[in-house]
Amino acid sequence: MKTIKALLTVAAFGISTSIFAQSATVQTVVKAEEDFNKLISKKGIKDAFLTVADPEGIVFKPDAVKIAEFYGKIDKQPGTLTSTPKFARISANGDFGFTAGPYVYQNGKADDDKVYGDYVSIWKLDVATNKLKLFTNLGIQHPQNDKVELTDIKDPAATTKVAPSTDPFNPKKIIIDNDRQFNQGLRISTLGAYKEFFMAEGHYYFPGFNPMVGTDKTLQFLANQAITISAETTDANRATSNDLAYSYGRARIQKGNIVSNYNYVRIWQQDEKHRWNVLLEIFSAIEND
């Protein structure tokens, strides 16, 4: 896998112009998430999603469907939802960012009605309004976490402020290739693929478990659970500054004789050697009919 990943790195290097966009601040995407929370409290879940949705934004129900299409068809989504950004990044050019953190959903008045978990939101810049719009939002459910999640909210590093890509081909191709290579590696060795592609500070979200941070904890979890993962890429894209990207697809995870289906979303970050690595991965369970 090292050789193929090196070739993918070469393909991503050097496609730039000399014009840089204005520096971005991560608080822009954090504020977008916080404003989204305020809208949910004021207007309800349905209207809040419709208000902030990117025109191409998707939710997984269980297949990827446009946010406007899904929420436009339902009468109302009951309950209250609150979330707290604890992990966030934004691209150097400010056109792509994400937040992640704990959420509480409650459909009732009793404490027993509360559902706990963690969410991931991806935000993309709408050029017409110069505002971040919600591209996707998904989450995992797990028992209430007694520990306070660490805050990891950072502005783009100065060394990552590269010029916009002028790739004459599809600008998302390099991310799709990396995502497929990761998935190919999973077929050979689940642990080996994560050792190759997962960042040392990567965040891992799996249903039923509190978030894991770091390669060591993620590898320990995978080994202890004795699971094997096979996955197929659906789509991907990257920031124009060529420093952050996302991909998503379907996964089948086997533990013993039990096979379950999931949607996955990955956040990719380019390192100082221009290699793409996974900064975040979340698996959202698909409820089989």
Protein backbone atom coordinates (compact mmCIF):
# COMPACT_ATOMS: atom_id res chain seq x y z
CA MET A 1 0.00 0.00 0.00
CA LYS A 2 2.92 2.36 0.59
CA THR A 3 3.83 2.40 -3.10
CA ILE A 4 0.31 3.12 -4.31
CA LYS A 5 -0.20 5.78 -1.67
CA ALA A 6 3.04 7.42 -2.73
CA LEU A 7 1.78 7.56 -6.32
CA LEU A 8 -1.45 9.17 -5.13
CA THR A 9 0.62 11.73 -3.25
CA VAL A 10 2.55 12.65 -6.40
CA ALA A 11 -0.71 13.09 -8.29
CA ALA A 12 -1.91 15.63 -5.73
CA PHE A 13 1.26 17.71 -5.62
CA GLY A 14 1.99 20.82 -7.58
CA ILE A 15 -1.43 21.62 -9.05
CA SER A 16 -1.81 25.21 -7.90
CA THR A 17 -1.82 28.86 -8.83
CA SER A 18 -0.05 31.79 -7.24
CA ILE A 19 -3.27 33.35 -5.95
CA PHE A 20 -4.26 32.67 -2.33
CA ALA A 21 -7.66 33.20 -0.78
CA GLN A 22 -8.08 35.20 2.40
CA SER A 23 -7.08 33.25 5.52
CA ALA A 24 -9.94 31.42 7.21
CA THR A 25 -10.68 31.01 10.89
CA VAL A 26 -12.14 27.85 12.40
CA GLN A 27 -14.54 29.92 14.49
CA THR A 28 -16.49 30.51 11.28
CA VAL A 29 -17.55 26.88 11.09
CA VAL A 30 -18.01 26.63 14.87
CA LYS A 31 -20.37 29.60 14.72
CA ALA A 32 -22.26 28.00 11.82
CA GLU A 33 -22.88 24.94 14.01
CA GLU A 34 -23.85 27.04 17.01
CA ASP A 35 -26.27 29.11 14.91
CA PHE A 36 -27.74 25.84 13.59
CA ASN A 37 -28.37 24.78 17.19
CA LYS A 38 -30.13 28.06 17.91
CA LEU A 39 -32.34 27.54 14.86
CA ILE A 40 -33.28 24.06 16.05
CA SER A 41 -34.27 25.47 19.43
CA LYS A 42 -36.28 28.27 17.80
CA LYS A 43 -37.81 26.65 14.70
CA GLY A 44 -37.55 22.90 15.33
CA ILE A 45 -35.40 20.25 13.68
CA LYS A 46 -37.12 20.19 10.27
CA ASP A 47 -37.15 23.94 9.60
CA ALA A 48 -33.60 24.35 10.92
CA PHE A 49 -32.25 21.74 8.51
CA LEU A 50 -34.12 23.30 5.59
CA THR A 51 -32.79 26.76 6.49
CA VAL A 52 -29.09 25.82 6.60
CA ALA A 53 -28.97 23.07 3.97
CA ASP A 54 -26.56 23.25 1.06
CA PRO A 55 -28.46 22.79 -2.24
CA GLU A 56 -26.59 19.51 -2.72
CA GLY A 57 -26.60 18.61 0.99
CA ILE A 58 -27.44 15.05 1.96
CA VAL A 59 -28.62 12.97 4.90
CA PHE A 60 -28.56 9.19 5.12
CA LYS A 61 -32.10 7.77 5.41
CA PRO A 62 -30.58 5.15 4.93
CA ASP A 63 -29.50 5.93 1.37
CA ALA A 64 -28.03 9.34 0.67
CA VAL A 65 -30.93 11.70 -0.05
CA LYS A 66 -30.91 15.48 -0.39
CA ILE A 67 -31.67 17.33 2.84
CA ALA A 68 -34.26 19.51 1.09
CA GLU A 69 -35.98 16.46 -0.37
CA PHE A 70 -36.14 14.49 2.89
CA TYR A 71 -37.17 17.31 5.24
CA GLY A 72 -39.43 18.83 2.62
CA LYS A 73 -41.59 15.70 2.64
CA ILE A 74 -42.03 15.13 6.37
CA ASP A 75 -44.61 17.06 8.41
CA LYS A 76 -42.41 17.53 11.44
CA GLN A 77 -39.54 15.88 13.29
CA PRO A 78 -40.51 15.77 16.96
CA GLY A 79 -38.21 16.29 19.91
CA THR A 80 -35.36 18.61 20.77
CA LEU A 81 -31.74 18.32 19.70
CA THR A 82 -28.72 20.03 21.21
CA SER A 83 -25.10 19.51 20.19
CA THR A 84 -21.76 20.94 21.25
CA PRO A 85 -18.81 21.38 18.84
CA LYS A 86 -15.70 19.88 20.40
CA PHE A 87 -13.68 19.00 17.30
CA ALA A 88 -13.48 21.35 14.31
CA ARG A 89 -11.36 22.33 11.35
CA ILE A 90 -11.74 24.63 8.35
CA SER A 91 -9.84 24.69 5.09
CA ALA A 92 -7.28 27.44 4.53
CA ASN A 93 -9.49 29.04 1.89
CA GLY A 94 -12.59 28.79 4.09
CA ASP A 95 -14.77 26.87 1.63
CA PHE A 96 -14.99 23.61 3.59
CA GLY A 97 -15.10 22.75 7.28
CA PHE A 98 -16.52 20.36 9.80
CA THR A 99 -17.50 20.16 13.44
CA ALA A 100 -18.07 17.14 15.68
CA GLY A 101 -19.04 16.59 19.27
CA PRO A 102 -21.66 15.27 21.69
CA TYR A 103 -25.40 15.64 21.17
CA VAL A 104 -28.51 15.02 23.25
CA TYR A 105 -31.85 14.22 21.61
CA GLN A 106 -34.99 14.24 23.72
CA ASN A 107 -38.50 13.34 22.66
CA GLY A 108 -40.35 13.69 25.95
CA LYS A 109 -39.95 15.36 29.33
CA ALA A 110 -38.34 12.61 31.43
CA ASP A 111 -34.60 12.02 31.67
CA ASP A 112 -35.23 8.49 30.39
CA ASP A 113 -36.36 10.05 27.12
CA LYS A 114 -32.89 11.42 26.43
CA VAL A 115 -30.68 9.81 23.76
CA TYR A 116 -26.95 10.50 23.86
CA GLY A 117 -24.39 10.32 21.10
CA ASP A 118 -21.92 12.18 18.92
CA TYR A 119 -22.49 13.96 15.62
CA VAL A 120 -20.42 15.02 12.62
CA SER A 121 -21.41 17.98 10.41
CA ILE A 122 -19.76 18.98 7.14
CA TRP A 123 -20.15 22.57 5.99
CA LYS A 124 -19.44 24.03 2.53
CA LEU A 125 -19.24 27.65 1.43
CA ASP A 126 -22.14 28.95 -0.63
CA VAL A 127 -20.49 31.43 -2.99
CA ALA A 128 -23.72 33.31 -3.69
CA THR A 129 -24.30 34.20 -0.01
CA ASN A 130 -20.70 33.82 1.24
CA LYS A 131 -22.08 31.69 4.07
CA LEU A 132 -21.37 28.13 5.13
CA LYS A 133 -24.17 25.71 4.35
CA LEU A 134 -24.73 22.24 5.80
CA PHE A 135 -23.63 19.50 3.39
CA THR A 136 -24.27 16.56 5.69
CA ASN A 137 -24.99 15.67 9.28
CA LEU A 138 -24.93 12.22 10.83
CA GLY A 139 -24.36 10.74 14.22
CA ILE A 140 -23.89 7.73 16.42
CA GLN A 141 -25.77 6.78 19.58
CA HIS A 142 -23.94 5.62 22.70
CA PRO A 143 -24.42 5.59 26.50
CA GLN A 144 -24.07 8.89 28.29
CA ASN A 145 -20.40 9.81 28.50
CA ASP A 146 -19.32 10.64 32.03
CA LYS A 147 -16.05 12.09 30.77
CA VAL A 148 -15.83 15.55 29.24
CA GLU A 149 -14.72 15.31 25.61
CA LEU A 150 -11.45 17.07 24.88
CA THR A 151 -11.70 20.24 22.81
CA ASP A 152 -9.73 20.11 19.55
CA ILE A 153 -10.54 23.25 17.56
CA LYS A 154 -7.70 24.63 15.45
CA ASP A 155 -7.22 27.18 12.70
CA PRO A 156 -5.45 26.07 9.52
CA ALA A 157 -1.70 25.94 9.99
CA ALA A 158 0.27 28.51 8.04
CA THR A 159 2.15 25.73 6.28
CA THR A 160 -1.10 24.34 4.84
CA LYS A 161 -2.18 27.56 3.16
CA VAL A 162 -1.72 26.39 -0.37
CA ALA A 163 -3.14 27.94 -3.50
CA PRO A 164 -6.40 26.76 -5.07
CA SER A 165 -6.20 23.64 -7.19
CA THR A 166 -6.33 24.09 -10.95
CA ASP A 167 -6.49 20.36 -11.63
CA PRO A 168 -7.71 20.11 -15.25
CA PHE A 169 -9.36 16.80 -14.37
CA ASN A 170 -12.01 16.14 -11.76
CA PRO A 171 -10.72 17.87 -8.59
CA LYS A 172 -12.17 15.14 -6.38
CA LYS A 173 -10.45 12.27 -8.20
CA ILE A 174 -7.43 12.15 -5.88
CA ILE A 175 -9.72 11.80 -2.83
CA ILE A 176 -11.80 9.06 -4.46
CA ASP A 177 -8.59 7.23 -5.35
CA ASN A 178 -7.32 7.47 -1.76
CA ASP A 179 -10.67 6.39 -0.36
CA ARG A 180 -10.77 3.38 -2.66
CA GLN A 181 -7.21 2.52 -1.77
CA PHE A 182 -8.12 2.60 1.92
CA ASN A 183 -11.09 0.33 1.21
CA GLN A 184 -8.91 -2.02 -0.80
CA GLY A 185 -6.49 -2.18 2.13
CA LEU A 186 -9.37 -3.08 4.46
CA ARG A 187 -10.01 -6.22 2.42
CA ILE A 188 -6.42 -7.30 2.99
CA SER A 189 -6.05 -6.26 6.64
CA THR A 190 -8.31 -4.02 8.70
CA LEU A 191 -5.54 -3.14 11.14
CA GLY A 192 -3.00 -2.70 8.36
CA ALA A 193 -5.24 -0.24 6.50
CA TYR A 194 -5.74 1.90 9.59
CA LYS A 195 -2.03 1.88 10.36
CA GLU A 196 -1.43 3.15 6.83
CA PHE A 197 -4.13 5.81 6.51
CA PHE A 198 -5.34 6.87 9.98
CA MET A 199 -3.73 9.96 11.51
CA ALA A 200 -2.08 9.81 14.93
CA GLU A 201 -4.65 12.35 16.20
CA GLY A 202 -7.54 10.87 14.21
CA HIS A 203 -11.03 10.69 15.73
CA TYR A 204 -13.04 7.47 15.39
CA TYR A 205 -16.82 7.27 15.91
CA PHE A 206 -18.55 3.88 16.11
CA PRO A 207 -22.17 3.24 17.21
CA GLY A 208 -22.54 2.15 20.81
CA PHE A 209 -19.13 3.43 21.89
CA ASN A 210 -17.77 6.75 23.07
CA PRO A 211 -15.48 8.50 20.55
CA MET A 212 -11.90 7.28 20.32
CA VAL A 213 -8.98 9.60 19.63
CA GLY A 214 -5.66 8.44 18.24
CA THR A 215 -4.37 5.55 16.18
CA ASP A 216 -3.46 3.45 19.22
CA LYS A 217 -6.95 3.55 20.76
CA THR A 218 -8.59 2.96 17.39
CA LEU A 219 -6.40 -0.04 16.61
CA GLN A 220 -6.98 -1.43 20.11
CA PHE A 221 -10.74 -1.10 19.63
CA LEU A 222 -10.67 -2.83 16.24
CA ALA A 223 -8.50 -5.65 17.60
CA ASN A 224 -10.63 -6.13 20.72
CA GLN A 225 -13.85 -6.18 18.71
CA ALA A 226 -12.31 -8.63 16.21
CA ILE A 227 -14.20 -7.06 13.32
CA THR A 228 -13.47 -7.01 9.61
CA ILE A 229 -14.59 -4.15 7.39
CA SER A 230 -15.35 -4.02 3.68
CA ALA A 231 -16.43 -0.73 2.13
CA GLU A 232 -17.29 0.91 -1.18
CA THR A 233 -16.78 4.58 -2.04
CA THR A 234 -19.83 6.58 -3.13
CA ASP A 235 -18.46 10.09 -3.58
CA ALA A 236 -15.85 12.56 -2.35
CA ASN A 237 -14.59 16.11 -2.77
CA ARG A 238 -11.95 18.46 -1.44
CA ALA A 239 -11.45 22.08 -0.48
CA THR A 240 -10.14 24.40 -3.17
CA SER A 241 -7.11 25.02 -0.94
CA ASN A 242 -6.32 21.31 -1.27
CA ASP A 243 -5.81 20.74 2.48
CA LEU A 244 -9.09 19.16 3.66
CA ALA A 245 -11.48 16.74 1.98
CA TYR A 246 -14.33 14.34 2.64
CA SER A 247 -15.53 11.01 1.31
CA TYR A 248 -18.51 8.81 2.05
CA GLY A 249 -19.84 5.39 1.16
CA ARG A 250 -21.27 2.08 2.37
CA ALA A 251 -19.59 -0.46 4.64
CA ARG A 252 -20.25 -4.02 5.77
CA ILE A 253 -18.78 -4.91 9.13
CA GLN A 254 -18.52 -8.52 10.25
CA LYS A 255 -18.04 -9.73 13.79
CA GLY A 256 -18.13 -13.49 14.03
CA ASN A 257 -21.19 -14.61 12.08
CA ILE A 258 -22.95 -11.25 12.36
CA VAL A 259 -22.78 -8.85 9.41
CA SER A 260 -24.13 -5.30 9.74
CA ASN A 261 -24.44 -2.47 7.24
CA TYR A 262 -23.29 1.11 7.75
CA ASN A 263 -22.83 4.44 6.03
CA TYR A 264 -19.42 5.96 6.58
CA VAL A 265 -18.02 9.47 6.28
CA ARG A 266 -14.31 10.27 6.35
CA ILE A 267 -12.54 13.59 6.71
CA TRP A 268 -9.15 13.69 5.00
CA GLN A 269 -6.26 16.04 5.68
CA GLN A 270 -3.11 16.54 3.66
CA ASP A 271 0.14 16.42 5.64
CA GLU A 272 3.41 18.28 5.14
CA LYS A 273 4.56 15.60 2.70
CA HIS A 274 1.39 16.11 0.63
CA ARG A 275 -0.06 12.73 1.62
CA TRP A 276 -3.77 12.40 2.34
CA ASN A 277 -4.64 10.80 5.69
CA VAL A 278 -7.90 10.18 7.57
CA LEU A 279 -8.50 12.75 10.31
CA LEU A 280 -12.00 11.54 11.20
CA GLU A 281 -14.17 8.54 10.46
CA ILE A 282 -17.75 7.89 11.52
CA PHE A 283 -19.91 4.82 10.91
CA SER A 284 -23.68 5.29 11.02
CA ALA A 285 -25.69 2.11 11.35
CA ILE A 286 -28.25 1.27 8.66
CA GLU A 287 -31.42 -0.16 10.11
CA ASN A 288 -32.39 -3.15 8.02
CA ASP A 289 -36.07 -3.57 7.23
